[in-house]
Amino acid sequence: MKSKVYFTKIITPESLVNIYEALGIDLGGKVGIKVSTGETGSKGYLKASLIGPLVKKLHGTIIECNTAYGGTRNNAKEHLETAREHGFTSIADVDIMDAEGEIKIPVNKGKHLKYDLIGKNFDNYDSILNLAHGKGHIMGGFGANLKNQSIGIASRKGKAYIHSVGKTTSPRLCWLSKHQQIDFIESMAEAATAVADYLKEQGKPIAYITVANAISLLCDCASDQGDPVMSDIGIFASIDPVANDQAFIDAIWASNEPGAKELQKWIDDREGRAILPYAESLGLGSCQYELVEIA
């Protein structure tokens, strides 16, 4: 059965609220909104002015975890300061979920990870909005909802565990890990599936939105992110993260812009698209979807 993916070409605070409402899902209770706060020096992270009305409508808390690499977000104090500088604390509370530890959740399906380590405070939320910025990524090829749910929700040590394909939880040693690129791509899918399964077991809903604007080759985690390589596409929303990421990828492949061709090569050089069928095989969602365009 095809999953529904809602789409609008309009990227405004109002259209973001509208596409959320089109999902027809009730994210009640204490809502955690997973957004990348963006590394200092990055340009493309979702701006507070864009997401603010939706965040406030949901009375949400912006949730993040510390990074495994050096920079201004690998400890809670500097991470919160970066979030403030980027305007996020002006629209909501910001929770660095692994500031006081992490929790181990099971990886029930897959062949690389034995478990997933996520920020301890993730348990404090009754529902989740995975609000991703669609762009390239230096290691994964592209980043959208699956990356935002795997590496994004993982604690600092959890990020190291995913990046090393289950070999170490050390942020220092993980970058020395030797493995096949496809194994890293599949590890991200396994971690994203673990988070979805964990929420499902507790009866907690999650929705997925990807804003495809300022589409650069590098991720918001890069201080030297660079400029966009193609035109803005729009906003995608679904309750199926695989379908939502697939729709984003299909839109890139449907473009004839020179920059889109560059991004396509960038993604395929890193085997990025392989995350989609593998995530589907794990039961996370479907690569088959029906695109429903809204105003």
Protein backbone atom coordinates (compact mmCIF):
# COMPACT_ATOMS: atom_id res chain seq x y z
CA MET A 1 0.00 0.00 0.00
CA LYS A 2 1.35 3.42 -0.96
CA SER A 3 2.01 5.93 1.78
CA LYS A 4 0.67 9.46 1.46
CA VAL A 5 3.22 12.25 1.15
CA TYR A 6 1.87 15.79 1.22
CA PHE A 7 3.76 18.42 -0.71
CA THR A 8 3.72 22.17 -1.22
CA LYS A 9 6.05 24.31 -3.29
CA ILE A 10 5.40 27.22 -0.95
CA ILE A 11 7.92 27.61 1.86
CA THR A 12 6.52 30.01 4.44
CA PRO A 13 5.62 29.79 8.13
CA GLU A 14 1.96 29.55 7.09
CA SER A 15 2.52 26.73 4.58
CA LEU A 16 4.50 24.81 7.18
CA VAL A 17 1.54 24.96 9.56
CA ASN A 18 -0.84 24.04 6.72
CA ILE A 19 1.10 20.95 5.68
CA TYR A 20 1.31 19.77 9.28
CA GLU A 21 -2.46 20.13 9.59
CA ALA A 22 -2.92 18.17 6.35
CA LEU A 23 -1.38 15.14 8.06
CA GLY A 24 -4.38 14.90 10.37
CA ILE A 25 -2.25 13.63 13.24
CA ASP A 26 -2.59 14.73 16.85
CA LEU A 27 0.78 15.38 18.41
CA GLY A 28 -0.47 15.93 21.92
CA GLY A 29 1.00 16.15 25.38
CA LYS A 30 4.58 17.32 25.65
CA VAL A 31 5.80 17.61 22.05
CA GLY A 32 9.48 17.23 21.17
CA ILE A 33 10.44 18.86 17.87
CA LYS A 34 13.67 17.44 16.50
CA VAL A 35 15.42 20.18 14.53
CA SER A 36 19.10 20.60 13.74
CA THR A 37 20.30 23.72 15.54
CA GLY A 38 23.08 24.10 12.95
CA GLU A 39 26.81 24.32 13.54
CA THR A 40 28.31 27.78 14.03
CA GLY A 41 29.10 29.10 10.55
CA SER A 42 26.48 27.01 8.76
CA LYS A 43 23.85 28.78 6.67
CA GLY A 44 21.10 26.38 5.71
CA TYR A 45 19.62 25.25 9.04
CA LEU A 46 15.88 25.84 9.35
CA LYS A 47 15.43 29.36 10.60
CA ALA A 48 13.51 30.17 13.76
CA SER A 49 11.41 32.68 11.84
CA LEU A 50 10.23 29.91 9.50
CA ILE A 51 9.45 27.19 12.03
CA GLY A 52 8.40 29.44 14.93
CA PRO A 53 4.63 29.51 14.30
CA LEU A 54 4.43 25.71 14.00
CA VAL A 55 6.60 25.19 17.08
CA LYS A 56 4.38 27.58 19.06
CA LYS A 57 1.18 26.00 17.74
CA LEU A 58 2.34 22.66 19.14
CA HIS A 59 3.67 24.24 22.34
CA GLY A 60 6.76 22.25 21.43
CA THR A 61 10.24 21.95 22.85
CA ILE A 62 13.14 21.87 20.42
CA ILE A 63 15.13 18.71 21.08
CA GLU A 64 18.71 17.99 20.09
CA CYS A 65 21.74 15.90 21.12
CA ASN A 66 25.41 16.76 21.22
CA THR A 67 27.67 16.03 18.26
CA ALA A 68 30.46 13.47 18.07
CA TYR A 69 32.80 15.80 16.20
CA GLY A 70 34.58 18.91 17.40
CA GLY A 71 32.78 22.21 17.11
CA THR A 72 30.37 24.33 19.11
CA ARG A 73 27.76 21.66 19.71
CA ASN A 74 29.66 18.75 21.31
CA ASN A 75 28.80 19.83 24.85
CA ALA A 76 25.53 21.10 26.28
CA LYS A 77 26.76 24.54 27.35
CA GLU A 78 28.15 25.55 23.95
CA HIS A 79 25.33 23.77 22.15
CA LEU A 80 22.71 25.82 23.98
CA GLU A 81 24.65 29.00 23.21
CA THR A 82 24.73 28.07 19.51
CA ALA A 83 20.98 27.42 19.62
CA ARG A 84 20.52 30.86 21.18
CA GLU A 85 22.69 32.53 18.55
CA HIS A 86 20.64 30.86 15.83
CA GLY A 87 17.39 32.13 17.30
CA PHE A 88 15.87 28.89 18.57
CA THR A 89 15.64 29.86 22.23
CA SER A 90 13.50 32.83 21.19
CA ILE A 91 10.71 30.54 19.99
CA ALA A 92 10.82 27.63 22.45
CA ASP A 93 12.72 25.87 25.19
CA VAL A 94 15.70 23.93 23.84
CA ASP A 95 16.51 20.55 25.38
CA ILE A 96 19.94 19.01 24.75
CA MET A 97 18.65 15.54 25.51
CA ASP A 98 21.96 13.86 26.34
CA ALA A 99 23.19 16.65 28.63
CA GLU A 100 22.61 14.38 31.63
CA GLY A 101 23.11 11.01 30.03
CA GLU A 102 21.66 8.56 27.56
CA ILE A 103 19.46 5.50 27.35
CA LYS A 104 20.04 2.28 25.46
CA ILE A 105 17.19 1.12 23.23
CA PRO A 106 17.03 -2.14 21.28
CA VAL A 107 17.75 -2.54 17.60
CA ASN A 108 15.37 -5.36 16.78
CA LYS A 109 16.14 -5.58 13.07
CA GLY A 110 19.31 -5.31 11.05
CA LYS A 111 22.84 -6.65 10.90
CA HIS A 112 25.19 -3.92 12.14
CA LEU A 113 24.00 -2.35 15.41
CA LYS A 114 23.25 -4.27 18.60
CA TYR A 115 21.51 -1.29 20.21
CA ASP A 116 21.01 2.46 19.85
CA LEU A 117 22.04 5.14 22.34
CA ILE A 118 19.73 8.14 22.45
CA GLY A 119 19.50 11.22 24.66
CA LYS A 120 18.10 10.43 28.12
CA ASN A 121 15.49 13.18 27.95
CA PHE A 122 13.83 11.66 24.88
CA ASP A 123 11.65 9.74 27.31
CA ASN A 124 10.17 13.01 28.60
CA TYR A 125 8.11 13.59 25.45
CA ASP A 126 4.65 12.27 24.62
CA SER A 127 4.92 12.84 20.86
CA ILE A 128 7.59 13.81 18.35
CA LEU A 129 7.78 15.96 15.23
CA ASN A 130 10.80 15.06 13.10
CA LEU A 131 11.31 18.42 11.37
CA ALA A 132 14.23 18.02 8.97
CA HIS A 133 16.10 20.23 6.56
CA GLY A 134 16.58 18.47 3.22
CA LYS A 135 20.14 18.89 1.91
CA GLY A 136 23.31 16.98 1.13
CA HIS A 137 25.57 15.34 3.71
CA ILE A 138 29.30 14.72 3.53
CA MET A 139 29.07 11.15 4.84
CA GLY A 140 25.52 10.01 4.16
CA GLY A 141 25.07 11.67 0.77
CA PHE A 142 21.89 13.41 1.84
CA GLY A 143 20.14 14.28 5.07
CA ALA A 144 16.42 14.44 5.70
CA ASN A 145 14.08 12.59 8.09
CA LEU A 146 16.02 9.32 8.33
CA LYS A 147 19.26 11.05 9.22
CA ASN A 148 17.43 13.40 11.61
CA GLN A 149 16.00 10.35 13.41
CA SER A 150 19.16 8.25 13.52
CA ILE A 151 22.23 10.42 14.03
CA GLY A 152 20.09 13.36 15.15
CA ILE A 153 18.40 11.64 18.10
CA ALA A 154 21.47 9.58 19.05
CA SER A 155 23.51 10.81 22.00
CA ARG A 156 27.10 11.89 21.47
CA LYS A 157 28.28 8.33 22.14
CA GLY A 158 25.37 7.00 20.09
CA LYS A 159 26.48 9.05 17.12
CA ALA A 160 29.96 7.54 17.46
CA TYR A 161 28.40 4.07 17.58
CA ILE A 162 26.44 4.64 14.36
CA HIS A 163 29.36 6.27 12.55
CA SER A 164 31.63 3.36 13.45
CA VAL A 165 29.01 0.78 12.41
CA GLY A 166 28.75 -0.57 15.94
CA LYS A 167 32.47 -0.80 16.67
CA THR A 168 32.91 1.91 19.31
CA THR A 169 31.03 4.51 21.34
CA SER A 170 34.10 6.73 21.57
CA PRO A 171 33.72 10.07 19.75
CA ARG A 172 37.51 10.11 19.40
CA LEU A 173 37.92 6.61 18.00
CA CYS A 174 34.84 6.38 15.81
CA TRP A 175 36.43 8.39 13.00
CA LEU A 176 39.23 5.81 12.78
CA SER A 177 36.80 2.95 12.14
CA LYS A 178 37.32 0.96 8.93
CA HIS A 179 34.16 -0.25 7.27
CA GLN A 180 32.30 -0.30 3.99
CA GLN A 181 30.32 2.83 3.18
CA ILE A 182 27.14 0.81 2.66
CA ASP A 183 27.45 -0.50 6.23
CA PHE A 184 27.33 3.05 7.58
CA ILE A 185 24.32 3.89 5.43
CA GLU A 186 22.53 0.78 6.69
CA SER A 187 23.49 1.55 10.29
CA MET A 188 21.67 4.88 10.02
CA ALA A 189 18.56 3.06 8.83
CA GLU A 190 18.80 0.62 11.74
CA ALA A 191 19.08 3.42 14.29
CA ALA A 192 16.15 5.32 12.74
CA THR A 193 14.06 2.15 12.86
CA ALA A 194 15.01 1.56 16.49
CA VAL A 195 13.68 5.01 17.44
CA ALA A 196 10.42 4.42 15.56
CA ASP A 197 9.97 1.00 17.19
CA TYR A 198 10.69 2.47 20.62
CA LEU A 199 8.00 5.11 20.16
CA LYS A 200 5.51 2.60 18.79
CA GLU A 201 5.97 0.31 21.79
CA GLN A 202 5.00 3.19 24.04
CA GLY A 203 2.10 4.33 21.87
CA LYS A 204 3.74 7.69 21.18
CA PRO A 205 3.00 9.25 17.76
CA ILE A 206 5.57 10.78 15.43
CA ALA A 207 5.17 12.85 12.26
CA TYR A 208 7.70 13.75 9.60
CA ILE A 209 8.28 17.01 7.73
CA THR A 210 11.20 17.90 5.46
CA VAL A 211 11.78 21.46 4.28
CA ALA A 212 13.78 21.31 1.04
CA ASN A 213 15.30 24.77 0.85
CA ALA A 214 18.86 26.13 0.81
CA ILE A 215 19.90 22.75 -0.60
CA SER A 216 23.68 22.56 -0.28
CA LEU A 217 26.07 19.64 -0.74
CA LEU A 218 27.16 19.85 2.88
CA CYS A 219 25.00 19.43 5.95
CA ASP A 220 23.97 21.99 8.57
CA CYS A 221 26.57 20.29 10.79
CA ALA A 222 29.34 21.79 8.62
CA SER A 223 30.69 25.22 9.59
CA ASP A 224 31.80 25.63 5.96
CA GLN A 225 28.46 24.46 4.57
CA GLY A 226 28.59 26.58 1.46
CA ASP A 227 25.84 27.96 -0.75
CA PRO A 228 22.84 26.14 -2.23
CA VAL A 229 23.52 24.18 -5.41
CA MET A 230 19.93 24.09 -6.67
CA SER A 231 16.64 25.90 -6.31
CA ASP A 232 14.33 25.40 -3.36
CA ILE A 233 11.90 22.51 -3.89
CA GLY A 234 9.23 22.83 -1.21
CA ILE A 235 7.96 21.04 1.89
CA PHE A 236 7.20 17.32 2.22
CA ALA A 237 5.15 15.78 5.05
CA SER A 238 4.11 12.24 5.92
CA ILE A 239 3.68 9.79 8.75
CA ASP A 240 6.09 7.52 6.82
CA PRO A 241 9.73 8.65 6.98
CA VAL A 242 10.90 6.37 4.16
CA ALA A 243 8.23 7.67 1.79
CA ASN A 244 9.00 11.26 2.79
CA ASP A 245 12.74 10.85 2.14
CA GLN A 246 12.01 9.02 -1.11
CA ALA A 247 9.81 11.88 -2.33
CA PHE A 248 12.59 14.36 -1.52
CA ILE A 249 15.13 12.27 -3.44
CA ASP A 250 12.76 11.81 -6.39
CA ALA A 251 12.34 15.59 -6.60
CA ILE A 252 16.12 16.01 -6.83
CA TRP A 253 16.31 13.39 -9.57
CA ALA A 254 13.43 15.04 -11.46
CA SER A 255 15.34 18.32 -11.71
CA ASN A 256 17.43 19.17 -14.74
CA GLU A 257 19.35 21.95 -12.99
CA PRO A 258 23.14 21.62 -13.23
CA GLY A 259 23.33 21.84 -9.45
CA ALA A 260 20.86 19.00 -9.10
CA LYS A 261 23.09 16.83 -11.27
CA GLU A 262 26.00 17.71 -8.99
CA LEU A 263 23.96 16.77 -5.93
CA GLN A 264 22.83 13.51 -7.54
CA LYS A 265 26.45 12.50 -8.12
CA TRP A 266 27.37 13.58 -4.58
CA ILE A 267 24.63 11.35 -3.13
CA ASP A 268 25.40 8.33 -5.30
CA ASP A 269 29.15 8.58 -4.70
CA ARG A 270 28.28 7.99 -1.03
CA GLU A 271 25.63 5.31 -1.74
CA GLY A 272 23.13 7.59 -0.04
CA ARG A 273 20.01 6.31 -1.77
CA ALA A 274 20.66 2.81 -0.41
CA ILE A 275 19.22 3.89 2.94
CA LEU A 276 15.73 3.90 1.44
CA PRO A 277 15.25 0.28 0.33
CA TYR A 278 17.15 -0.95 3.38
CA ALA A 279 14.91 1.03 5.74
CA GLU A 280 11.92 -0.37 3.86
CA SER A 281 13.25 -3.92 4.37
CA LEU A 282 13.43 -3.22 8.12
CA GLY A 283 9.74 -2.27 8.14
CA LEU A 284 10.28 1.43 8.83
CA GLY A 285 8.16 2.54 5.88
CA SER A 286 7.59 2.25 2.15
CA CYS A 287 9.44 3.58 -0.88
CA GLN A 288 6.08 3.62 -2.67
CA TYR A 289 4.01 6.73 -2.12
CA GLU A 290 1.19 8.89 -3.40
CA LEU A 291 2.13 12.56 -3.67
CA VAL A 292 -0.69 14.86 -2.60
CA GLU A 293 0.01 18.48 -3.51
CA ILE A 294 -1.59 21.17 -1.38
CA ALA A 295 -1.68 24.93 -1.80
